[in-house]
Structure formats: C-alpha cells, structure tokens
Amino acid sequence: MIEFLSTTPGVVACRLNRRIEPEDTDQLTHELQLAFENDGPVNLYYELDKDIEMSVRAIVHGLRNALDIFVRRDQLGRVAIVSDDTLMRALSKAESALLPGISYELFHQDQCYLAREWIEGSSALPRGQTVEILETDCDTIVGFVVDGKIAAEELHAIAAELNKRHKSAPPEGMILILRNYAGFEPSGAFHMDYIRMKLAMFSDLKKYAVVGAPKWMEKWITTLQPLIKMEIRTFELGQEDYAWAWLGAEPREKHPIIEPLIASS
C-alpha cells in the first residue's frame, strides 16, 4: 500500500506499508514522472514500514520502472529513506552507491522530522551541523572539528573553503578533530571541487594532525604516510594541546562550516 504525503513543490513524498503490489509502483512512477516534467530538481522522501512486504510481481515491476527513472537521475537532488528495517536499510545503502553525485541519506523512524525538514528545504543539512571550522593564530594553518556524519553539503563547503584559501594563503598545516565520527556521505566525494581540494592538500600541506582517529583510520594513515610528502600524525582525544604544539599554532574562534538553516523554497 502506498500513501502520498502532503509536501512542498519539487518533492515527492510517500509512505509505504503493508503489502506492495505492482499498482503501487505504477502510482509512484507516475508521480515521479509528473515531478520530472517541471525540469527542476526533484527531492524524494520514502517512509518504509518495518513490516513492509513486496510481491514478486511488484519487485519485477518496480525494477522495470526504476530504469525509466534512472535515465532522469540528473534531476534528482536529495533522497531520504526513513526505515528501521535492517534489510531495507542495507538495500538503500546499495542503491545509494549506484547514484553518485546525489545527496542520499538514511534515517531511522524517530528521525522522520529531520528527513522531512531536509527534503523540503527548511534545513540545509540532514542531521544538523556536524562540521565546524577552527580559525587559528596563523594564516597558513586551519582546523576542522567533526561530530557525527559529514553531509555531502558539508563536504562541498569544506572543499570550497580550502580551495578559496589555496588561492590566497595555501594552508601548510591542518588539524582535524574527530568526535563521534560516523563517516561521510559518499556522493560528496564525487564533486569536482572536493577532488580539486584533495589534490591541493597533497601539494601544499606539510603537516596534518588528526585527533581522535578511529583505529581503521590510523591503519590507513600508517599505510599512506610513506607514499606522500606531507607528515601526518595521529593524537588521542584529550591530546589536542600536543597536536597544536606540533603544528606550531593555537586555536582561536570556531564557527559552523554551513549556516544551519536555509530559506524554504
């Protein structure tokens, strides 16, 4: 069963529950095609019941319809999937990997209000601010604090900030402080500004301090270090003073990399 939800222009929002039949997938495809006819970006909100079932015919029908939508993927803006079901979340993660360049986020049922705010444009970020920029007493040293999962929009903003600094006073040192780090939205890594920023980092940076790196990241850094010219050191949370001393700088003010709210469209 599919239920379409009241929402803002440019958004297709629906709730899927109980048993899904081919007629439901046809309805969804029809609504998406109508939205695509406006030529502007289309945001999608799917709320999936944990007891949802799909008939075999609905699965086959849905895959056939998905091919029609895939050719219009350039119009897709944000996609929010709300579900507590383990299988549905795993399938959604696999689907997101097939859609590089699209802001694709998974939410639990108790986060549905965050998903709606993000999809409808009243919030710039899917889960609020997770990245802050740290200004320092040295023009060529910059820092970032990450608390949570980095959204694609924040990756774009980080890239834009560092690319701007690269043109004036290229950073020679950087500190990254990770608190409750939960990864990043992969689609953001395919943006050309982000790729340009990473290349500039390897060219300009001499020292890179990572505070609070998880074990897997420490191993990756150890493997990478002999292959690059910049020096990377890891520090435990609580050793920030040692990291700053190694960089030869002190922190000053910090502020969000993106303003928390944007105007509703």
Protein backbone atom coordinates (compact mmCIF):
# COMPACT_ATOMS: atom_id res chain seq x y z
CA MET A 1 0.00 0.00 0.00
CA ILE A 2 1.31 3.45 -0.88
CA GLU A 3 0.23 6.73 0.70
CA PHE A 4 1.34 10.05 -0.78
CA LEU A 5 2.10 12.76 1.78
CA SER A 6 1.41 16.46 1.55
CA THR A 7 4.67 18.29 0.89
CA THR A 8 6.30 21.23 -0.89
CA PRO A 9 6.68 21.73 -4.69
CA GLY A 10 9.53 19.73 -6.20
CA VAL A 11 9.20 16.95 -3.62
CA VAL A 12 7.62 13.51 -3.97
CA ALA A 13 6.87 12.14 -0.50
CA CYS A 14 5.22 8.82 0.27
CA ARG A 15 4.75 6.21 2.96
CA LEU A 16 4.95 2.53 2.01
CA ASN A 17 3.41 -0.04 4.32
CA ARG A 18 1.89 -3.50 4.41
CA ARG A 19 2.00 -5.26 1.05
CA ILE A 20 3.27 -3.52 -2.08
CA GLU A 21 1.71 -4.55 -5.38
CA PRO A 22 2.53 -3.55 -9.00
CA GLU A 23 -0.21 -0.92 -8.91
CA ASP A 24 1.65 0.85 -6.08
CA THR A 25 4.91 1.00 -8.03
CA ASP A 26 2.99 2.35 -11.05
CA GLN A 27 1.48 5.10 -8.89
CA LEU A 28 4.90 6.09 -7.58
CA THR A 29 6.43 6.10 -11.05
CA HIS A 30 3.57 8.28 -12.33
CA GLU A 31 4.10 10.85 -9.54
CA LEU A 32 7.84 10.93 -10.23
CA GLN A 33 7.31 11.44 -13.96
CA LEU A 34 4.96 14.36 -13.24
CA ALA A 35 7.60 15.92 -10.97
CA PHE A 36 10.34 15.45 -13.59
CA GLU A 37 8.24 17.30 -16.20
CA ASN A 38 8.89 20.58 -14.34
CA ASP A 39 12.61 20.32 -15.30
CA GLY A 40 13.78 21.49 -11.89
CA PRO A 41 15.48 19.33 -9.21
CA VAL A 42 13.29 16.67 -7.61
CA ASN A 43 13.70 15.55 -3.99
CA LEU A 44 12.37 12.18 -2.83
CA TYR A 45 11.10 11.14 0.61
CA TYR A 46 10.31 7.46 1.27
CA GLU A 47 9.00 6.26 4.62
CA LEU A 48 9.14 2.46 4.77
CA ASP A 49 7.20 0.46 7.35
CA LYS A 50 9.27 -2.20 9.11
CA ASP A 51 6.68 -4.88 8.22
CA ILE A 52 6.55 -3.97 4.54
CA GLU A 53 6.20 -6.80 2.02
CA MET A 54 6.60 -6.79 -1.75
CA SER A 55 5.06 -9.34 -4.07
CA VAL A 56 7.34 -10.88 -6.69
CA ARG A 57 5.34 -9.11 -9.40
CA ALA A 58 5.83 -5.78 -7.61
CA ILE A 59 9.60 -6.31 -7.43
CA VAL A 60 9.85 -7.12 -11.14
CA HIS A 61 7.52 -4.24 -11.99
CA GLY A 62 9.47 -1.86 -9.75
CA LEU A 63 12.79 -2.76 -11.36
CA ARG A 64 11.33 -2.10 -14.80
CA ASN A 65 10.01 1.29 -13.70
CA ALA A 66 13.30 2.12 -11.98
CA LEU A 67 15.07 2.02 -15.34
CA ASP A 68 12.80 4.80 -16.58
CA ILE A 69 13.66 6.89 -13.51
CA PHE A 70 17.39 6.15 -13.74
CA VAL A 71 17.69 7.99 -17.06
CA ARG A 72 16.38 11.13 -15.28
CA ARG A 73 18.83 10.83 -12.38
CA ASP A 74 20.47 14.16 -13.24
CA GLN A 75 17.28 15.83 -11.98
CA LEU A 76 17.42 14.09 -8.62
CA GLY A 77 18.51 16.35 -5.78
CA ARG A 78 18.03 14.85 -2.33
CA VAL A 79 16.78 11.37 -1.44
CA ALA A 80 15.69 10.49 2.10
CA ILE A 81 14.86 6.92 3.14
CA VAL A 82 13.18 6.51 6.53
CA SER A 83 13.19 2.94 7.86
CA ASP A 84 14.16 0.84 10.87
CA ASP A 85 14.17 -2.39 8.86
CA THR A 86 17.68 -3.84 8.57
CA LEU A 87 17.17 -5.31 5.10
CA MET A 88 15.59 -2.15 3.70
CA ARG A 89 18.44 -0.04 5.07
CA ALA A 90 21.02 -2.40 3.53
CA LEU A 91 19.26 -2.27 0.15
CA SER A 92 19.07 1.52 0.37
CA LYS A 93 22.81 1.76 1.05
CA ALA A 94 23.48 -0.41 -2.00
CA GLU A 95 21.20 1.81 -4.09
CA SER A 96 22.95 4.97 -2.91
CA ALA A 97 26.27 3.57 -4.18
CA LEU A 98 24.72 3.40 -7.66
CA LEU A 99 23.74 7.08 -7.55
CA PRO A 100 26.98 9.07 -7.16
CA GLY A 101 26.50 12.82 -7.09
CA ILE A 102 23.07 12.60 -5.40
CA SER A 103 22.59 13.52 -1.73
CA TYR A 104 21.22 10.25 -0.37
CA GLU A 105 20.54 9.83 3.35
CA LEU A 106 19.13 7.10 5.58
CA PHE A 107 17.10 7.95 8.68
CA HIS A 108 15.53 5.92 11.47
CA GLN A 109 11.79 6.26 12.11
CA ASP A 110 12.31 8.57 15.07
CA GLN A 111 14.28 10.91 12.76
CA CYS A 112 11.49 11.33 10.20
CA TYR A 113 11.03 15.00 11.12
CA LEU A 114 14.72 15.65 10.31
CA ALA A 115 14.30 13.89 6.97
CA ARG A 116 11.23 15.98 6.07
CA GLU A 117 12.93 19.27 7.02
CA TRP A 118 15.96 18.39 4.89
CA ILE A 119 13.98 17.15 1.90
CA GLU A 120 11.60 20.12 1.93
CA GLY A 121 14.44 22.64 2.18
CA SER A 122 13.82 24.13 5.63
CA SER A 123 17.13 22.64 6.79
CA ALA A 124 20.42 22.88 4.92
CA LEU A 125 21.74 19.68 6.48
CA PRO A 126 20.20 16.25 7.08
CA ARG A 127 21.16 15.98 10.76
CA GLY A 128 22.15 19.45 11.81
CA GLN A 129 25.69 20.76 12.00
CA THR A 130 28.49 18.20 12.23
CA VAL A 131 31.43 20.28 10.96
CA GLU A 132 32.95 23.43 12.44
CA ILE A 133 35.92 25.35 11.09
CA LEU A 134 38.67 26.33 13.53
CA GLU A 135 40.43 29.60 12.86
CA THR A 136 43.96 29.83 14.25
CA ASP A 137 46.60 32.45 15.05
CA CYS A 138 48.41 31.51 11.82
CA ASP A 139 47.08 32.29 8.34
CA THR A 140 48.52 29.10 6.88
CA ILE A 141 47.10 26.69 9.48
CA VAL A 142 43.43 25.75 9.65
CA GLY A 143 41.39 23.25 11.61
CA PHE A 144 38.09 21.39 11.48
CA VAL A 145 36.00 19.72 14.19
CA VAL A 146 33.72 16.85 13.14
CA ASP A 147 31.00 15.46 15.41
CA GLY A 148 28.85 12.87 13.64
CA LYS A 149 28.39 12.02 9.96
CA ILE A 150 29.58 14.59 7.41
CA ALA A 151 26.83 15.51 4.94
CA ALA A 152 27.54 15.96 1.24
CA GLU A 153 26.76 19.66 1.61
CA GLU A 154 29.41 19.96 4.32
CA LEU A 155 31.99 18.19 2.16
CA HIS A 156 31.24 20.72 -0.60
CA ALA A 157 31.60 23.58 1.90
CA ILE A 158 34.92 22.24 3.23
CA ALA A 159 36.21 21.94 -0.32
CA ALA A 160 35.06 25.46 -1.21
CA GLU A 161 36.72 26.89 1.92
CA LEU A 162 40.07 25.17 1.33
CA ASN A 163 40.05 25.94 -2.41
CA LYS A 164 39.48 29.62 -1.56
CA ARG A 165 42.36 29.61 0.92
CA HIS A 166 44.57 27.82 -1.60
CA LYS A 167 44.30 30.85 -3.91
CA SER A 168 45.34 33.38 -1.25
CA ALA A 169 47.41 31.74 1.50
CA PRO A 170 47.70 27.98 0.83
CA PRO A 171 47.40 26.06 4.13
CA GLU A 172 50.66 24.41 5.20
CA GLY A 173 49.22 22.81 8.31
CA MET A 174 45.84 21.36 9.24
CA ILE A 175 44.23 19.79 12.28
CA LEU A 176 41.21 17.51 12.12
CA ILE A 177 39.47 16.81 15.43
CA LEU A 178 37.06 13.86 15.29
CA ARG A 179 34.39 13.48 17.95
CA ASN A 180 31.91 10.59 17.46
CA TYR A 181 32.94 10.38 13.81
CA ALA A 182 30.34 8.45 11.78
CA GLY A 183 31.74 8.68 8.25
CA PHE A 184 30.62 10.90 5.39
CA GLU A 185 28.05 10.95 2.60
CA PRO A 186 29.87 9.29 -0.38
CA SER A 187 28.15 11.42 -3.03
CA GLY A 188 30.05 14.47 -1.80
CA ALA A 189 33.39 12.89 -2.72
CA PHE A 190 32.48 12.86 -6.43
CA HIS A 191 32.15 16.66 -6.63
CA MET A 192 34.94 18.27 -8.67
CA ASP A 193 35.59 20.93 -6.00
CA TYR A 194 36.23 18.15 -3.48
CA ILE A 195 38.61 16.33 -5.83
CA ARG A 196 40.43 19.61 -6.58
CA MET A 197 40.73 20.27 -2.84
CA LYS A 198 42.24 16.83 -2.15
CA LEU A 199 44.83 17.31 -4.88
CA ALA A 200 45.76 20.74 -3.48
CA MET A 201 46.10 19.23 0.02
CA PHE A 202 48.69 16.71 -1.15
CA SER A 203 50.53 19.52 -2.95
CA ASP A 204 50.53 22.21 -0.23
CA LEU A 205 50.21 20.63 3.19
CA LYS A 206 53.37 19.94 5.16
CA LYS A 207 51.80 18.85 8.45
CA TYR A 208 48.42 17.21 9.08
CA ALA A 209 47.31 16.38 12.63
CA VAL A 210 44.36 14.02 13.16
CA VAL A 211 42.91 13.93 16.67
CA GLY A 212 40.57 11.11 17.68
CA ALA A 213 41.05 8.95 14.57
CA PRO A 214 39.34 5.54 14.77
CA LYS A 215 41.61 2.51 14.55
CA TRP A 216 40.84 1.81 10.89
CA MET A 217 41.83 5.39 10.00
CA GLU A 218 45.08 5.12 11.96
CA LYS A 219 45.97 2.00 9.95
CA TRP A 220 45.12 3.77 6.69
CA ILE A 221 47.30 6.74 7.67
CA THR A 222 50.20 4.43 8.56
CA THR A 223 49.92 2.81 5.11
CA LEU A 224 49.62 6.13 3.28
CA GLN A 225 52.40 8.03 5.06
CA PRO A 226 55.40 6.55 3.15
CA LEU A 227 53.73 7.39 -0.17
CA ILE A 228 53.24 11.14 0.36
CA LYS A 229 55.47 14.08 1.25
CA MET A 230 53.27 15.66 3.94
CA GLU A 231 53.74 14.43 7.51
CA ILE A 232 50.63 13.05 9.21
CA ARG A 233 50.45 12.40 12.93
CA THR A 234 47.57 10.99 14.96
CA PHE A 235 46.69 12.01 18.51
CA GLU A 236 44.19 10.68 21.03
CA LEU A 237 41.21 12.78 22.06
CA GLY A 238 42.46 14.78 25.02
CA GLN A 239 45.84 15.33 23.34
CA GLU A 240 44.74 18.36 21.34
CA ASP A 241 47.35 20.57 23.05
CA TYR A 242 50.11 18.26 21.79
CA ALA A 243 48.66 18.41 18.26
CA TRP A 244 48.56 22.21 18.31
CA ALA A 245 52.11 22.38 19.66
CA TRP A 246 53.31 20.08 16.87
CA LEU A 247 51.64 22.33 14.27
CA GLY A 248 53.04 25.45 15.92
CA ALA A 249 49.68 27.22 16.18
CA GLU A 250 46.89 27.96 18.63
CA PRO A 251 43.12 27.81 18.09
CA ARG A 252 41.07 30.99 18.03
CA GLU A 253 37.38 31.18 17.16
CA LYS A 254 35.29 28.43 15.56
CA HIS A 255 32.08 28.56 13.56
CA PRO A 256 29.86 26.20 11.53
CA ILE A 257 31.06 25.43 8.03
CA ILE A 258 27.46 25.98 6.83
CA GLU A 259 24.65 28.09 8.26
CA PRO A 260 22.17 25.72 9.96
CA LEU A 261 19.07 26.88 8.12
CA ILE A 262 18.22 27.95 4.60
CA ALA A 263 15.07 29.61 3.41
CA SER A 264 12.25 27.31 2.43
CA SER A 265 11.60 27.18 -1.28
